[in-house]
């Protein structure tokens, strides 16, 4: 299920704070494709956020 209500206005790049707010929806696949692309653009250049997403995925996988 894609949650189209999770979005940040405009075409501006999203930052670490926004990515942190979106991690759960990103990992769960509950995000509209345009926002996924924006998150992935941020992740491609931010090692810290990539590590955070990886850590959260590991937690989710362990809990399954």
PDB file of N, CA and C in Angstrom:
ATOM      1  N   UNK A   1       0.842  -1.177   0.000  1.00  0.00           N
ATOM      2  CA  UNK A   1       0.000   0.000   0.000  1.00  0.00           C
ATOM      3  C   UNK A   1       0.884   1.235   0.000  1.00  0.00           C
ATOM      4  N   UNK A   2       0.686   2.109  -0.945  1.00  0.00           N
ATOM      5  CA  UNK A   2       1.487   3.318  -1.049  1.00  0.00           C
ATOM      6  C   UNK A   2       0.770   4.454  -0.334  1.00  0.00           C
ATOM      7  N   UNK A   3       1.470   5.105   0.553  1.00  0.00           N
ATOM      8  CA  UNK A   3       0.898   6.226   1.281  1.00  0.00           C
ATOM      9  C   UNK A   3       1.303   7.517   0.595  1.00  0.00           C
ATOM     10  N   UNK A   4       0.422   8.034  -0.249  1.00  0.00           N
ATOM     11  CA  UNK A   4       0.716   9.257  -0.988  1.00  0.00           C
ATOM     12  C   UNK A   4       0.668  10.502  -0.114  1.00  0.00           C
ATOM     13  N   UNK A   5       0.226  10.368   1.121  1.00  0.00           N
ATOM     14  CA  UNK A   5       0.143  11.531   1.988  1.00  0.00           C
ATOM     15  C   UNK A   5       1.488  11.875   2.612  1.00  0.00           C
ATOM     16  N   UNK A   6       2.431  10.960   2.546  1.00  0.00           N
ATOM     17  CA  UNK A   6       3.754  11.240   3.080  1.00  0.00           C
ATOM     18  C   UNK A   6       4.548  11.912   1.970  1.00  0.00           C
ATOM     19  N   UNK A   7       4.727  13.214   2.074  1.00  0.00           N
ATOM     20  CA  UNK A   7       5.463  13.940   1.042  1.00  0.00           C
ATOM     21  C   UNK A   7       5.968  15.251   1.611  1.00  0.00           C
ATOM     22  N   UNK A   8       6.996  15.735   1.014  1.00  0.00           N
ATOM     23  CA  UNK A   8       7.518  17.042   1.362  1.00  0.00           C
ATOM     24  C   UNK A   8       7.338  17.915   0.140  1.00  0.00           C
ATOM     25  N   UNK A   9       6.853  19.123   0.320  1.00  0.00           N
ATOM     26  CA  UNK A   9       6.486  19.959  -0.820  1.00  0.00           C
ATOM     27  C   UNK A   9       7.672  20.363  -1.690  1.00  0.00           C
ATOM     28  N   UNK A  10       7.358  20.614  -2.938  1.00  0.00           N
ATOM     29  CA  UNK A  10       8.350  21.155  -3.848  1.00  0.00           C
ATOM     30  C   UNK A  10       9.352  20.129  -4.335  1.00  0.00           C
ATOM     31  N   UNK A  11      10.313  20.635  -5.089  1.00  0.00           N
ATOM     32  CA  UNK A  11      11.334  19.766  -5.658  1.00  0.00           C
ATOM     33  C   UNK A  11      12.647  19.866  -4.899  1.00  0.00           C
ATOM     34  N   UNK A  12      12.647  20.529  -3.777  1.00  0.00           N
ATOM     35  CA  UNK A  12      13.895  20.678  -3.035  1.00  0.00           C
ATOM     36  C   UNK A  12      14.393  19.328  -2.551  1.00  0.00           C
ATOM     37  N   UNK A  13      15.670  19.254  -2.374  1.00  0.00           N
ATOM     38  CA  UNK A  13      16.250  18.015  -1.839  1.00  0.00           C
ATOM     39  C   UNK A  13      15.797  17.835  -0.401  1.00  0.00           C
ATOM     40  N   UNK A  14      15.647  16.592  -0.008  1.00  0.00           N
ATOM     41  CA  UNK A  14      15.319  16.343   1.387  1.00  0.00           C
ATOM     42  C   UNK A  14      16.611  16.097   2.146  1.00  0.00           C
ATOM     43  N   UNK A  15      16.587  16.399   3.419  1.00  0.00           N
ATOM     44  CA  UNK A  15      17.780  16.265   4.246  1.00  0.00           C
ATOM     45  C   UNK A  15      17.677  15.107   5.209  1.00  0.00           C
ATOM     46  N   UNK A  16      18.680  14.994   6.042  1.00  0.00           N
ATOM     47  CA  UNK A  16      18.760  13.894   6.999  1.00  0.00           C
ATOM     48  C   UNK A  16      17.538  13.841   7.913  1.00  0.00           C
ATOM     49  N   UNK A  17      17.083  14.957   8.369  1.00  0.00           N
ATOM     50  CA  UNK A  17      15.933  14.987   9.283  1.00  0.00           C
ATOM     51  C   UNK A  17      14.692  14.391   8.612  1.00  0.00           C
ATOM     52  N   UNK A  18      14.453  14.775   7.351  1.00  0.00           N
ATOM     53  CA  UNK A  18      13.300  14.241   6.634  1.00  0.00           C
ATOM     54  C   UNK A  18      13.450  12.741   6.400  1.00  0.00           C
ATOM     55  N   UNK A  19      14.656  12.314   6.050  1.00  0.00           N
ATOM     56  CA  UNK A  19      14.889  10.878   5.836  1.00  0.00           C
ATOM     57  C   UNK A  19      14.617  10.112   7.124  1.00  0.00           C
ATOM     58  N   UNK A  20      15.056  10.635   8.248  1.00  0.00           N
ATOM     59  CA  UNK A  20      14.802   9.970   9.531  1.00  0.00           C
ATOM     60  C   UNK A  20      13.307   9.824   9.788  1.00  0.00           C
ATOM     61  N   UNK A  21      12.530  10.836   9.410  1.00  0.00           N
ATOM     62  CA  UNK A  21      11.082  10.785   9.597  1.00  0.00           C
ATOM     63  C   UNK A  21      10.420   9.758   8.680  1.00  0.00           C
ATOM     64  N   UNK A  22      11.065   9.453   7.576  1.00  0.00           N
ATOM     65  CA  UNK A  22      10.475   8.593   6.555  1.00  0.00           C
ATOM     66  C   UNK A  22      10.996   7.158   6.554  1.00  0.00           C
ATOM     67  N   UNK A  23      11.945   6.845   7.421  1.00  0.00           N
ATOM     68  CA  UNK A  23      12.594   5.532   7.375  1.00  0.00           C
ATOM     69  C   UNK A  23      11.586   4.388   7.444  1.00  0.00           C
ATOM     70  N   UNK A  24      10.647   4.447   8.362  1.00  0.00           N
ATOM     71  CA  UNK A  24       9.692   3.344   8.501  1.00  0.00           C
ATOM     72  C   UNK A  24       8.901   3.132   7.216  1.00  0.00           C
ATOM     73  N   UNK A  25       8.371   4.199   6.653  1.00  0.00           N
ATOM     74  CA  UNK A  25       7.593   4.090   5.415  1.00  0.00           C
ATOM     75  C   UNK A  25       8.467   3.624   4.262  1.00  0.00           C
ATOM     76  N   UNK A  26       9.707   4.081   4.220  1.00  0.00           N
ATOM     77  CA  UNK A  26      10.632   3.678   3.162  1.00  0.00           C
ATOM     78  C   UNK A  26      10.914   2.175   3.241  1.00  0.00           C
ATOM     79  N   UNK A  27      11.246   1.696   4.415  1.00  0.00           N
ATOM     80  CA  UNK A  27      11.565   0.278   4.597  1.00  0.00           C
ATOM     81  C   UNK A  27      10.340  -0.596   4.338  1.00  0.00           C
ATOM     82  N   UNK A  28       9.174  -0.125   4.746  1.00  0.00           N
ATOM     83  CA  UNK A  28       7.950  -0.915   4.596  1.00  0.00           C
ATOM     84  C   UNK A  28       7.334  -0.820   3.197  1.00  0.00           C
ATOM     85  N   UNK A  29       7.911  -0.007   2.324  1.00  0.00           N
ATOM     86  CA  UNK A  29       7.381   0.129   0.972  1.00  0.00           C
ATOM     87  C   UNK A  29       6.062   0.866   0.910  1.00  0.00           C
ATOM     88  N   UNK A  30       5.838   1.768   1.856  1.00  0.00           N
ATOM     89  CA  UNK A  30       4.582   2.505   1.947  1.00  0.00           C
ATOM     90  C   UNK A  30       4.749   3.957   1.531  1.00  0.00           C
ATOM     91  N   UNK A  31       5.518   4.166   0.488  1.00  0.00           N
ATOM     92  CA  UNK A  31       5.851   5.520   0.066  1.00  0.00           C
ATOM     93  C   UNK A  31       5.640   5.645  -1.432  1.00  0.00           C
ATOM     94  N   UNK A  32       5.144   6.789  -1.856  1.00  0.00           N
ATOM     95  CA  UNK A  32       4.932   7.055  -3.275  1.00  0.00           C
ATOM     96  C   UNK A  32       6.273   7.046  -4.016  1.00  0.00           C
ATOM     97  N   UNK A  33       6.296   6.509  -5.231  1.00  0.00           N
ATOM     98  CA  UNK A  33       7.546   6.409  -5.992  1.00  0.00           C
ATOM     99  C   UNK A  33       8.341   7.718  -6.127  1.00  0.00           C
ATOM    100  N   UNK A  34       7.689   8.860  -6.339  1.00  0.00           N
ATOM    101  CA  UNK A  34       8.502  10.085  -6.438  1.00  0.00           C
ATOM    102  C   UNK A  34       9.260  10.407  -5.148  1.00  0.00           C
ATOM    103  N   UNK A  35       8.649  10.101  -4.019  1.00  0.00           N
ATOM    104  CA  UNK A  35       9.318  10.342  -2.746  1.00  0.00           C
ATOM    105  C   UNK A  35      10.411   9.307  -2.502  1.00  0.00           C
ATOM    106  N   UNK A  36      10.183   8.071  -2.925  1.00  0.00           N
ATOM    107  CA  UNK A  36      11.226   7.042  -2.835  1.00  0.00           C
ATOM    108  C   UNK A  36      12.466   7.519  -3.580  1.00  0.00           C
ATOM    109  N   UNK A  37      12.257   8.064  -4.754  1.00  0.00           N
ATOM    110  CA  UNK A  37      13.388   8.552  -5.552  1.00  0.00           C
ATOM    111  C   UNK A  37      14.134   9.658  -4.821  1.00  0.00           C
ATOM    112  N   UNK A  38      13.406  10.539  -4.158  1.00  0.00           N
ATOM    113  CA  UNK A  38      14.060  11.624  -3.427  1.00  0.00           C
ATOM    114  C   UNK A  38      14.853  11.089  -2.237  1.00  0.00           C
ATOM    115  N   UNK A  39      14.276  10.117  -1.536  1.00  0.00           N
ATOM    116  CA  UNK A  39      14.987   9.502  -0.407  1.00  0.00           C
ATOM    117  C   UNK A  39      16.243   8.795  -0.912  1.00  0.00           C
ATOM    118  N   UNK A  40      16.119   8.050  -1.997  1.00  0.00           N
ATOM    119  CA  UNK A  40      17.264   7.321  -2.522  1.00  0.00           C
ATOM    120  C   UNK A  40      18.345   8.248  -3.060  1.00  0.00           C
ATOM    121  N   UNK A  41      17.949   9.398  -3.581  1.00  0.00           N
ATOM    122  CA  UNK A  41      18.942  10.394  -3.999  1.00  0.00           C
ATOM    123  C   UNK A  41      19.728  10.869  -2.783  1.00  0.00           C
ATOM    124  N   UNK A  42      19.031  11.123  -1.695  1.00  0.00           N
ATOM    125  CA  UNK A  42      19.718  11.536  -0.465  1.00  0.00           C
ATOM    126  C   UNK A  42      20.634  10.423   0.030  1.00  0.00           C
ATOM    127  N   UNK A  43      20.119   9.199   0.043  1.00  0.00           N
ATOM    128  CA  UNK A  43      20.911   8.070   0.548  1.00  0.00           C
ATOM    129  C   UNK A  43      22.169   7.837  -0.277  1.00  0.00           C
ATOM    130  N   UNK A  44      22.092   8.125  -1.567  1.00  0.00           N
ATOM    131  CA  UNK A  44      23.264   7.902  -2.418  1.00  0.00           C
ATOM    132  C   UNK A  44      24.434   8.795  -2.039  1.00  0.00           C
ATOM    133  N   UNK A  45      24.156   9.909  -1.373  1.00  0.00           N
ATOM    134  CA  UNK A  45      25.224  10.818  -1.000  1.00  0.00           C
ATOM    135  C   UNK A  45      25.446  10.971   0.496  1.00  0.00           C
ATOM    136  N   UNK A  46      24.708  10.197   1.301  1.00  0.00           N
ATOM    137  CA  UNK A  46      24.804  10.376   2.757  1.00  0.00           C
ATOM    138  C   UNK A  46      25.077   9.033   3.440  1.00  0.00           C
ATOM    139  N   UNK A  47      26.315   8.824   3.785  1.00  0.00           N
ATOM    140  CA  UNK A  47      26.722   7.571   4.423  1.00  0.00           C
ATOM    141  C   UNK A  47      26.021   7.361   5.764  1.00  0.00           C
ATOM    142  N   UNK A  48      25.818   8.424   6.509  1.00  0.00           N
ATOM    143  CA  UNK A  48      25.179   8.319   7.813  1.00  0.00           C
ATOM    144  C   UNK A  48      23.739   7.808   7.688  1.00  0.00           C
ATOM    145  N   UNK A  49      22.991   8.363   6.767  1.00  0.00           N
ATOM    146  CA  UNK A  49      21.606   7.910   6.571  1.00  0.00           C
ATOM    147  C   UNK A  49      21.556   6.502   6.009  1.00  0.00           C
ATOM    148  N   UNK A  50      22.478   6.158   5.117  1.00  0.00           N
ATOM    149  CA  UNK A  50      22.533   4.788   4.601  1.00  0.00           C
ATOM    150  C   UNK A  50      22.749   3.809   5.755  1.00  0.00           C
ATOM    151  N   UNK A  51      23.643   4.152   6.666  1.00  0.00           N
ATOM    152  CA  UNK A  51      23.913   3.289   7.818  1.00  0.00           C
ATOM    153  C   UNK A  51      22.677   3.176   8.711  1.00  0.00           C
ATOM    154  N   UNK A  52      21.975   4.276   8.899  1.00  0.00           N
ATOM    155  CA  UNK A  52      20.764   4.255   9.722  1.00  0.00           C
ATOM    156  C   UNK A  52      19.697   3.373   9.096  1.00  0.00           C
ATOM    157  N   UNK A  53      19.487   3.512   7.784  1.00  0.00           N
ATOM    158  CA  UNK A  53      18.504   2.681   7.090  1.00  0.00           C
ATOM    159  C   UNK A  53      18.905   1.210   7.182  1.00  0.00           C
ATOM    160  N   UNK A  54      20.171   0.918   6.988  1.00  0.00           N
ATOM    161  CA  UNK A  54      20.654  -0.461   7.074  1.00  0.00           C
ATOM    162  C   UNK A  54      20.409  -1.039   8.462  1.00  0.00           C
ATOM    163  N   UNK A  55      20.680  -0.251   9.482  1.00  0.00           N
ATOM    164  CA  UNK A  55      20.470  -0.689  10.864  1.00  0.00           C
ATOM    165  C   UNK A  55      18.981  -0.946  11.113  1.00  0.00           C
ATOM    166  N   UNK A  56      18.131  -0.057  10.652  1.00  0.00           N
ATOM    167  CA  UNK A  56      16.685  -0.234  10.855  1.00  0.00           C
ATOM    168  C   UNK A  56      16.169  -1.445  10.100  1.00  0.00           C
ATOM    169  N   UNK A  57      16.674  -1.679   8.903  1.00  0.00           N
ATOM    170  CA  UNK A  57      16.273  -2.877   8.140  1.00  0.00           C
ATOM    171  C   UNK A  57      16.668  -4.144   8.899  1.00  0.00           C
ATOM    172  N   UNK A  58      17.838  -4.144   9.492  1.00  0.00           N
ATOM    173  CA  UNK A  58      18.307  -5.297  10.253  1.00  0.00           C
ATOM    174  C   UNK A  58      17.380  -5.564  11.444  1.00  0.00           C
ATOM    175  N   UNK A  59      16.945  -4.506  12.091  1.00  0.00           N
ATOM    176  CA  UNK A  59      16.025  -4.659  13.222  1.00  0.00           C
ATOM    177  C   UNK A  59      14.703  -5.254  12.754  1.00  0.00           C
ATOM    178  N   UNK A  60      14.173  -4.718  11.648  1.00  0.00           N
ATOM    179  CA  UNK A  60      12.902  -5.213  11.101  1.00  0.00           C
ATOM    180  C   UNK A  60      13.043  -6.681  10.705  1.00  0.00           C
ATOM    181  N   UNK A  61      14.140  -7.026  10.040  1.00  0.00           N
ATOM    182  CA  UNK A  61      14.347  -8.407   9.620  1.00  0.00           C
ATOM    183  C   UNK A  61      14.456  -9.356  10.814  1.00  0.00           C
ATOM    184  N   UNK A  62      15.087  -8.894  11.871  1.00  0.00           N
ATOM    185  CA  UNK A  62      15.231  -9.713  13.092  1.00  0.00           C
ATOM    186  C   UNK A  62      13.874  -9.935  13.745  1.00  0.00           C
ATOM    187  N   UNK A  63      13.020  -8.924  13.686  1.00  0.00           N
ATOM    188  CA  UNK A  63      11.709  -9.020  14.340  1.00  0.00           C
ATOM    189  C   UNK A  63      10.715  -9.900  13.576  1.00  0.00           C
ATOM    190  N   UNK A  64      11.011 -10.195  12.319  1.00  0.00           N
ATOM    191  CA  UNK A  64      10.073 -11.005  11.519  1.00  0.00           C
ATOM    192  C   UNK A  64      10.112 -12.447  11.897  1.00  0.00           C
TER     193      UNK A  64
END
